[in-house]
C-alpha atoms as a PDB file:
ATOM      1  CA  MET A   1     159.609 -99.689  -7.071  1.00  0.00           C
ATOM      2  CA  SER A   2     156.526 -97.953  -5.711  1.00  0.00           C
ATOM      3  CA  LEU A   3     153.053 -98.857  -6.720  1.00  0.00           C
ATOM      4  CA  VAL A   4     151.998 -95.292  -6.401  1.00  0.00           C
ATOM      5  CA  ARG A   5     152.451 -92.826  -9.331  1.00  0.00           C
ATOM      6  CA  ARG A   6     151.261 -89.374  -9.918  1.00  0.00           C
ATOM      7  CA  ALA A   7     148.037 -89.319 -11.919  1.00  0.00           C
ATOM      8  CA  THR A   8     148.229 -88.040 -15.568  1.00  0.00           C
ATOM      9  CA  PRO A   9     145.605 -86.456 -17.879  1.00  0.00           C
ATOM     10  CA  GLU A  10     144.813 -89.879 -19.261  1.00  0.00           C
ATOM     11  CA  ASP A  11     143.467 -90.962 -15.682  1.00  0.00           C
ATOM     12  CA  ALA A  12     140.700 -88.343 -15.539  1.00  0.00           C
ATOM     13  CA  GLU A  13     137.774 -90.700 -16.280  1.00  0.00           C
ATOM     14  CA  GLU A  14     139.044 -93.206 -13.709  1.00  0.00           C
ATOM     15  CA  LEU A  15     139.605 -90.543 -11.118  1.00  0.00           C
ATOM     16  CA  LEU A  16     135.887 -89.571 -11.550  1.00  0.00           C
ATOM     17  CA  ARG A  17     134.780 -93.224 -11.413  1.00  0.00           C
ATOM     18  CA  LEU A  18     136.699 -93.783  -8.167  1.00  0.00           C
ATOM     19  CA  ARG A  19     135.466 -90.404  -6.721  1.00  0.00           C
ATOM     20  CA  GLN A  20     131.899 -91.743  -7.521  1.00  0.00           C
ATOM     21  CA  VAL A  21     132.851 -94.903  -5.636  1.00  0.00           C
ATOM     22  CA  MET A  22     133.721 -92.753  -2.635  1.00  0.00           C
ATOM     23  CA  PHE A  23     130.521 -90.706  -2.863  1.00  0.00           C
ATOM     24  CA  ASP A  24     128.409 -93.813  -3.047  1.00  0.00           C
ATOM     25  CA  SER A  25     130.255 -95.602  -0.213  1.00  0.00           C
ATOM     26  CA  VAL A  26     129.897 -92.510   2.142  1.00  0.00           C
ATOM     27  CA  PHE A  27     126.263 -91.816   1.336  1.00  0.00           C
ATOM     28  CA  ALA A  28     125.284 -95.537   1.682  1.00  0.00           C
ATOM     29  CA  ALA A  29     126.972 -95.444   5.121  1.00  0.00           C
ATOM     30  CA  ARG A  30     125.166 -92.305   6.084  1.00  0.00           C
ATOM     31  CA  SER A  31     121.837 -93.750   5.059  1.00  0.00           C
ATOM     32  CA  GLY A  32     122.434 -96.641   7.311  1.00  0.00           C
ATOM     33  CA  SER A  33     121.603 -99.085   4.496  1.00  0.00           C
ATOM     34  CA  GLY A  34     125.200-100.203   4.032  1.00  0.00           C
ATOM     35  CA  SER A  35     124.273-101.335   0.693  1.00  0.00           C
ATOM     36  CA  ASP A  36     123.838 -99.883  -2.840  1.00  0.00           C
ATOM     37  CA  THR A  37     121.123 -97.202  -2.562  1.00  0.00           C
ATOM     38  CA  GLY A  38     120.352 -97.309  -6.234  1.00  0.00           C
ATOM     39  CA  PRO A  39     122.112 -96.191  -9.426  1.00  0.00           C
ATOM     40  CA  SER A  40     124.589 -93.464  -8.993  1.00  0.00           C
ATOM     41  CA  ASP A  41     124.186 -90.157 -10.650  1.00  0.00           C
ATOM     42  CA  THR A  42     127.144 -89.936 -12.925  1.00  0.00           C
ATOM     43  CA  SER A  43     125.698 -87.302 -15.235  1.00  0.00           C
ATOM     44  CA  TRP A  44     128.235 -84.728 -13.963  1.00  0.00           C
ATOM     45  CA  HIS A  45     131.258 -86.853 -15.062  1.00  0.00           C
ATOM     46  CA  ALA A  46     131.086 -85.681 -18.664  1.00  0.00           C
ATOM     47  CA  GLU A  47     131.305 -81.980 -17.750  1.00  0.00           C
ATOM     48  CA  SER A  48     133.997 -82.692 -15.210  1.00  0.00           C
ATOM     49  CA  VAL A  49     136.279 -84.888 -17.259  1.00  0.00           C
ATOM     50  CA  PRO A  50     137.829 -81.961 -19.360  1.00  0.00           C
ATOM     51  CA  ILE A  51     138.498 -79.976 -16.173  1.00  0.00           C
ATOM     52  CA  VAL A  52     140.098 -82.858 -14.375  1.00  0.00           C
ATOM     53  CA  ARG A  53     142.227 -83.741 -17.376  1.00  0.00           C
ATOM     54  CA  ARG A  54     143.428 -80.056 -17.779  1.00  0.00           C
ATOM     55  CA  ARG A  55     144.305 -79.822 -14.100  1.00  0.00           C
ATOM     56  CA  LEU A  56     146.225 -83.136 -14.171  1.00  0.00           C
ATOM     57  CA  GLY A  57     148.263 -81.674 -16.994  1.00  0.00           C
ATOM     58  CA  GLU A  58     149.452 -78.844 -14.828  1.00  0.00           C
ATOM     59  CA  PRO A  59     152.362 -80.497 -12.946  1.00  0.00           C
ATOM     60  CA  GLU A  60     153.504 -77.203 -11.426  1.00  0.00           C
ATOM     61  CA  GLY A  61     150.034 -76.420 -10.220  1.00  0.00           C
ATOM     62  CA  ASN A  62     148.387 -76.610  -6.764  1.00  0.00           C
ATOM     63  CA  PHE A  63     146.368 -79.797  -7.585  1.00  0.00           C
ATOM     64  CA  ALA A  64     147.828 -83.385  -7.444  1.00  0.00           C
ATOM     65  CA  ALA A  65     146.384 -86.860  -7.569  1.00  0.00           C
ATOM     66  CA  PHE A  66     148.357 -89.986  -6.650  1.00  0.00           C
ATOM     67  CA  VAL A  67     146.999 -93.438  -7.734  1.00  0.00           C
ATOM     68  CA  VAL A  68     147.699 -97.170  -7.816  1.00  0.00           C
ATOM     69  CA  ASP A  69     146.902 -98.922 -11.033  1.00  0.00           C
ATOM     70  CA  HIS A  70     144.417-101.746 -10.837  1.00  0.00           C
ATOM     71  CA  PRO A  71     146.331-105.050 -11.090  1.00  0.00           C
ATOM     72  CA  GLU A  72     143.561-106.859 -12.982  1.00  0.00           C
ATOM     73  CA  ARG A  73     142.083-104.125 -15.227  1.00  0.00           C
ATOM     74  CA  PRO A  74     144.632-102.396 -17.623  1.00  0.00           C
ATOM     75  CA  GLY A  75     143.930 -98.762 -17.736  1.00  0.00           C
ATOM     76  CA  GLY A  76     141.863 -98.890 -14.522  1.00  0.00           C
ATOM     77  CA  LEU A  77     142.755 -97.559 -11.072  1.00  0.00           C
ATOM     78  CA  ALA A  78     142.620 -99.403  -7.755  1.00  0.00           C
ATOM     79  CA  ALA A  79     143.051 -96.386  -5.535  1.00  0.00           C
ATOM     80  CA  LEU A  80     143.413 -92.763  -5.505  1.00  0.00           C
ATOM     81  CA  VAL A  81     144.066 -89.719  -3.284  1.00  0.00           C
ATOM     82  CA  VAL A  82     143.548 -86.207  -4.421  1.00  0.00           C
ATOM     83  CA  GLY A  83     144.464 -82.847  -2.939  1.00  0.00           C
ATOM     84  CA  THR A  84     145.270 -79.227  -3.388  1.00  0.00           C
ATOM     85  CA  VAL A  85     147.647 -76.813  -1.714  1.00  0.00           C
ATOM     86  CA  GLU A  86     145.687 -73.733  -0.757  1.00  0.00           C
ATOM     87  CA  TYR A  87     146.869 -70.364   0.396  1.00  0.00           C
ATOM     88  CA  ARG A  88     145.464 -68.811   3.567  1.00  0.00           C
ATOM     89  CA  ILE A  89     146.821 -65.760   5.208  1.00  0.00           C
ATOM     90  CA  GLY A  90     149.760 -66.777   7.394  1.00  0.00           C
ATOM     91  CA  ARG A  91     149.702 -67.079  11.198  1.00  0.00           C
ATOM     92  CA  ALA A  92     152.254 -67.932  13.881  1.00  0.00           C
ATOM     93  CA  ASP A  93     152.422 -71.754  13.066  1.00  0.00           C
ATOM     94  CA  ASN A  94     152.228 -71.254   9.348  1.00  0.00           C
ATOM     95  CA  PRO A  95     153.658 -67.825   8.256  1.00  0.00           C
ATOM     96  CA  HIS A  96     153.550 -68.753   4.661  1.00  0.00           C
ATOM     97  CA  GLY A  97     149.938 -69.701   4.651  1.00  0.00           C
ATOM     98  CA  ARG A  98     150.192 -72.860   2.701  1.00  0.00           C
ATOM     99  CA  VAL A  99     147.785 -75.707   3.735  1.00  0.00           C
ATOM    100  CA  GLY A 100     147.208 -79.053   2.099  1.00  0.00           C
ATOM    101  CA  GLN A 101     143.591 -80.056   1.425  1.00  0.00           C
ATOM    102  CA  VAL A 102     142.743 -83.725   0.851  1.00  0.00           C
ATOM    103  CA  PHE A 103     139.333 -84.194  -0.782  1.00  0.00           C
ATOM    104  CA  SER A 104     139.210 -87.521  -2.431  1.00  0.00           C
ATOM    105  CA  VAL A 105     140.390 -90.859  -1.092  1.00  0.00           C
ATOM    106  CA  ALA A 106     138.834 -93.865  -2.705  1.00  0.00           C
ATOM    107  CA  THR A 107     139.819 -97.558  -3.249  1.00  0.00           C
ATOM    108  CA  ASP A 108     137.939-100.015  -5.509  1.00  0.00           C
ATOM    109  CA  PRO A 109     135.857-102.308  -3.250  1.00  0.00           C
ATOM    110  CA  ASP A 110     137.594-105.349  -4.666  1.00  0.00           C
ATOM    111  CA  GLN A 111     141.075-103.825  -3.861  1.00  0.00           C
ATOM    112  CA  ARG A 112     140.560-102.683  -0.245  1.00  0.00           C
ATOM    113  CA  ARG A 113     142.751-103.763   2.669  1.00  0.00           C
ATOM    114  CA  LYS A 114     145.874-104.002   0.527  1.00  0.00           C
ATOM    115  CA  GLY A 115     147.493-100.617   1.782  1.00  0.00           C
ATOM    116  CA  TYR A 116     146.875 -98.747  -1.369  1.00  0.00           C
ATOM    117  CA  ALA A 117     145.035 -95.818   0.160  1.00  0.00           C
ATOM    118  CA  ARG A 118     147.851 -95.457   2.707  1.00  0.00           C
ATOM    119  CA  ALA A 119     150.533 -95.569   0.069  1.00  0.00           C
ATOM    120  CA  CYS A 120     148.659 -92.931  -1.866  1.00  0.00           C
ATOM    121  CA  MET A 121     148.187 -90.723   1.179  1.00  0.00           C
ATOM    122  CA  GLU A 122     151.862 -90.895   2.106  1.00  0.00           C
ATOM    123  CA  ALA A 123     152.759 -89.818  -1.476  1.00  0.00           C
ATOM    124  CA  LEU A 124     150.290 -86.867  -1.258  1.00  0.00           C
ATOM    125  CA  LEU A 125     151.556 -85.874   2.175  1.00  0.00           C
ATOM    126  CA  ASP A 126     155.125 -85.863   0.709  1.00  0.00           C
ATOM    127  CA  TRP A 127     153.942 -83.612  -2.081  1.00  0.00           C
ATOM    128  CA  PHE A 128     152.380 -81.267   0.425  1.00  0.00           C
ATOM    129  CA  ARG A 129     155.649 -81.002   2.250  1.00  0.00           C
ATOM    130  CA  GLU A 130     157.520 -80.286  -1.079  1.00  0.00           C
ATOM    131  CA  GLN A 131     154.978 -77.581  -1.808  1.00  0.00           C
ATOM    132  CA  GLY A 132     155.761 -75.959   1.635  1.00  0.00           C
ATOM    133  CA  ALA A 133     152.396 -76.718   3.241  1.00  0.00           C
ATOM    134  CA  ALA A 134     152.629 -76.462   6.979  1.00  0.00           C
ATOM    135  CA  GLY A 135     149.705 -78.929   7.492  1.00  0.00           C
ATOM    136  CA  ALA A 136     146.976 -80.841   5.927  1.00  0.00           C
ATOM    137  CA  ASP A 137     143.087 -80.868   6.431  1.00  0.00           C
ATOM    138  CA  LEU A 138     140.569 -83.599   5.436  1.00  0.00           C
ATOM    139  CA  ASN A 139     137.039 -84.680   6.240  1.00  0.00           C
ATOM    140  CA  ALA A 140     137.098 -88.335   7.355  1.00  0.00           C
ATOM    141  CA  SER A 141     134.354 -90.907   7.471  1.00  0.00           C
ATOM    142  CA  PRO A 142     134.205 -93.133  10.565  1.00  0.00           C
ATOM    143  CA  GLU A 143     135.539 -96.064   8.416  1.00  0.00           C
ATOM    144  CA  ALA A 144     138.533 -94.198   7.204  1.00  0.00           C
ATOM    145  CA  GLU A 145     139.481 -92.404  10.501  1.00  0.00           C
ATOM    146  CA  PRO A 146     141.897 -95.174  11.737  1.00  0.00           C
ATOM    147  CA  LEU A 147     144.014 -94.745   8.592  1.00  0.00           C
ATOM    148  CA  TYR A 148     144.240 -91.000   9.008  1.00  0.00           C
ATOM    149  CA  VAL A 149     144.867 -91.359  12.760  1.00  0.00           C
ATOM    150  CA  SER A 150     147.770 -93.712  12.031  1.00  0.00           C
ATOM    151  CA  LEU A 151     149.218 -91.062   9.665  1.00  0.00           C
ATOM    152  CA  GLY A 152     149.023 -88.434  12.530  1.00  0.00           C
ATOM    153  CA  PHE A 153     145.789 -86.618  11.761  1.00  0.00           C
ATOM    154  CA  VAL A 154     143.774 -85.459  14.787  1.00  0.00           C
ATOM    155  CA  ARG A 155     140.182 -84.432  15.211  1.00  0.00           C
ATOM    156  CA  LYS A 156     139.655 -80.811  15.702  1.00  0.00           C
ATOM    157  CA  PRO A 157     136.584 -78.743  16.739  1.00  0.00           C
ATOM    158  CA  ASP A 158     135.176 -77.784  13.390  1.00  0.00           C
ATOM    159  CA  PRO A 159     133.398 -74.524  13.222  1.00  0.00           C
ATOM    160  CA  SER A 160     132.950 -74.938   9.438  1.00  0.00           C
ATOM    161  CA  MET A 161     129.759 -73.828   7.682  1.00  0.00           C
ATOM    162  CA  ARG A 162     128.817 -73.923   4.064  1.00  0.00           C
ATOM    163  CA  LEU A 163     126.690 -71.893   1.722  1.00  0.00           C
ATOM    164  CA  THR A 164     125.724 -73.453  -1.745  1.00  0.00           C
ATOM    165  CA  LEU A 165     125.853 -70.798  -4.422  1.00  0.00           C
END
């Protein structure tokens, strides 16, 4: 039996907690401190929980999360991977235009190096395939890049830009 399961609406708070772990880890690494840079801003969680809960309750939707339960904390999560299937106008190598987008991969610090993130990623990639996605995109931190490379991801020249609205 697999440790990985698809997240349910009841997991919403834990998804946000682990997403915050990811943010805190990435931003601590970028600041060069490698340590906790102060208390996390979790004020946004209360507003996000109902939305995440609703999206997790749409099993036929384009949003999915795969998780591993924390072995020592009932109701807690040890790891998660979240993604969506997006539509982009087709092209020669993807005429249907479906693309997977991975946007949250996180493991509780006390549960790292146990293969949980890999198992969750493999489940998400299988789900992308079931949804007809021709590929998957993600942003990788330097620490996580070896995992993604081992799953077949490659760096690409990224002309991405962003505007905050």
